[in-house]
Each structure stands twice: as C-alpha cells, then as structure tokens.
Amino acid sequence: MSKDIEKIRHWDIRLGDYREVENMEATWFIDPPYQFGGEHYPMSNKDIDFEILGEWCKSRKGEVIVCENTKTGWMNFEPIANLKGSKHKTVEAVYLNGFEKTKERGLF
C-alpha cells in the first residue's frame, strides 16, 4: 500500500456521525450497515433512521454512490449483483446520483 500512497493522499477519512460532515462537492461512497442484515454487525443498524439517511444521501453535492441490498426501500436502489453468502443469498444494489447514464454508469 505504501507504494500507492500518492493515489490516495488527498482522501479525507473521518470517524464520526455522518450528519456532522460538511456537504461539499465530492464523490460520496456511502455503505451503511444494511437495513436488513445490518443488525448483526458490531456497529449495527439499530440506531440508524434510514429515511433521514436517505434524505442526507440525496442532498450531497457531487457524485453519490450508496450501497444496500434489494430487501429495502429507503432509496431507489438498482440491483447490480447476485451474491451467495455462507447462510443466505442476497442481491446487492446501488443508488447512483450525479453519474451520466453512459460509460461511467456502466461500471455498476
């Protein structure tokens, strides 16, 4: 990783409440504990108001990428991949805003 540090030196990584982050022009990658299944994570979804999170995501300036699965409805997610875990199958999904529906969007 040290040989690639120049590629990410400009990144700004913060630990804290998402609502405290300034809304600036950026590429926002948002991957919260999922609404269905995220209750099993050490930092679970039990204190997340997904409706408020969805509005916050939509209000971001710039490109927005939000990850979830298709079991939820707090944003307009598009399915991107079928996955099989050790216990369950799931369909991973993404919400994209600020991306042209062309080559860029084809990456997802």
Protein backbone atom coordinates (compact mmCIF):
# COMPACT_ATOMS: atom_id res chain seq x y z
CA MET A 1 0.00 0.00 0.00
CA SER A 2 2.86 2.38 0.70
CA LYS A 3 3.80 2.41 -3.00
CA ASP A 4 0.28 3.65 -3.84
CA ILE A 5 0.01 6.31 -1.11
CA GLU A 6 0.21 9.11 -3.69
CA LYS A 7 -3.04 7.83 -5.23
CA ILE A 8 -4.99 8.34 -2.02
CA ARG A 9 -3.08 11.07 -0.19
CA HIS A 10 -5.89 13.53 -0.99
CA TRP A 11 -8.58 11.33 0.63
CA ASP A 12 -10.27 12.70 3.73
CA ILE A 13 -11.42 9.87 6.00
CA ARG A 14 -13.36 10.74 9.14
CA LEU A 15 -14.79 8.72 12.00
CA GLY A 16 -17.97 10.15 13.46
CA ASP A 17 -21.62 10.83 12.85
CA TYR A 18 -22.39 11.24 9.15
CA ARG A 19 -24.64 14.22 9.90
CA GLU A 20 -21.59 16.19 11.06
CA VAL A 21 -19.83 16.00 7.66
CA GLU A 22 -19.83 19.22 5.65
CA ASN A 23 -21.75 18.98 2.36
CA MET A 24 -19.04 19.65 -0.21
CA GLU A 25 -18.51 18.77 -3.86
CA ALA A 26 -17.09 15.25 -3.76
CA THR A 27 -17.61 11.64 -4.74
CA TRP A 28 -19.58 10.23 -1.83
CA PHE A 29 -19.34 6.47 -1.20
CA ILE A 30 -21.91 5.58 1.45
CA ASP A 31 -22.08 1.99 2.71
CA PRO A 32 -24.07 1.86 5.96
CA PRO A 33 -24.96 -1.33 7.84
CA TYR A 34 -27.80 -2.65 5.69
CA GLN A 35 -31.38 -2.21 6.88
CA PHE A 36 -31.96 -5.98 6.65
CA GLY A 37 -28.91 -7.91 7.86
CA GLY A 38 -27.02 -4.96 9.33
CA GLU A 39 -28.27 -5.75 12.83
CA HIS A 40 -25.58 -8.45 13.03
CA TYR A 41 -22.64 -6.05 12.59
CA PRO A 42 -20.61 -4.88 15.63
CA MET A 43 -21.66 -1.31 14.67
CA SER A 44 -25.24 -2.34 13.94
CA ASN A 45 -28.07 -0.53 12.20
CA LYS A 46 -30.24 -0.27 15.34
CA ASP A 47 -29.73 3.49 15.73
CA ILE A 48 -29.99 4.40 12.04
CA ASP A 49 -33.07 6.25 10.80
CA PHE A 50 -32.92 5.14 7.18
CA GLU A 51 -35.41 7.74 5.95
CA ILE A 52 -33.21 10.54 7.35
CA LEU A 53 -30.08 8.83 5.97
CA GLY A 54 -31.73 8.63 2.53
CA GLU A 55 -32.54 12.34 2.50
CA TRP A 56 -28.99 13.13 3.63
CA CYS A 57 -27.57 10.97 0.81
CA LYS A 58 -29.75 12.68 -1.80
CA SER A 59 -28.66 16.12 -0.57
CA ARG A 60 -24.93 15.51 -1.11
CA LYS A 61 -23.11 17.68 -3.64
CA GLY A 62 -21.33 15.75 -6.38
CA GLU A 63 -21.46 12.09 -7.27
CA VAL A 64 -23.22 9.80 -4.80
CA ILE A 65 -22.87 6.01 -4.52
CA VAL A 66 -24.97 4.30 -1.84
CA CYS A 67 -24.75 0.53 -1.25
CA GLU A 68 -27.53 -1.70 0.09
CA ASN A 69 -29.43 -4.83 -0.89
CA THR A 70 -32.78 -5.14 -2.63
CA LYS A 71 -34.68 -6.11 0.54
CA THR A 72 -35.01 -2.44 1.47
CA GLY A 73 -36.85 0.58 0.12
CA TRP A 74 -35.38 3.65 1.82
CA MET A 75 -33.88 4.76 -1.52
CA ASN A 76 -34.38 3.85 -5.16
CA PHE A 77 -31.74 1.12 -5.38
CA GLU A 78 -30.82 -0.69 -8.60
CA PRO A 79 -29.74 -4.35 -8.39
CA ILE A 80 -26.16 -4.96 -9.52
CA ALA A 81 -25.09 -8.45 -8.39
CA ASN A 82 -26.45 -11.71 -7.02
CA LEU A 83 -24.34 -12.90 -4.09
CA LYS A 84 -24.36 -16.11 -2.09
CA GLY A 85 -23.03 -15.99 1.45
CA SER A 86 -22.45 -18.93 3.77
CA LYS A 87 -26.07 -18.77 5.01
CA HIS A 88 -28.05 -16.50 2.67
CA LYS A 89 -28.38 -15.32 -0.89
CA THR A 90 -28.73 -11.59 -1.47
CA VAL A 91 -28.97 -9.14 -4.32
CA GLU A 92 -26.56 -6.25 -3.87
CA ALA A 93 -27.88 -2.92 -5.03
CA VAL A 94 -26.70 0.63 -5.55
CA TYR A 95 -28.15 4.13 -5.71
CA LEU A 96 -26.27 6.44 -8.07
CA ASN A 97 -26.71 10.17 -8.37
CA GLY A 98 -24.57 12.54 -10.40
CA PHE A 99 -23.36 9.90 -12.85
CA GLU A 100 -24.15 10.13 -16.54
CA LYS A 101 -26.08 7.11 -17.82
CA THR A 102 -23.23 6.26 -20.14
CA LYS A 103 -19.86 4.60 -19.84
CA GLU A 104 -19.31 5.74 -16.23
CA ARG A 105 -22.57 4.24 -15.05
CA GLY A 106 -21.82 1.03 -16.88
CA LEU A 107 -19.18 0.30 -14.27
CA PHE A 108 -22.01 -0.53 -11.89
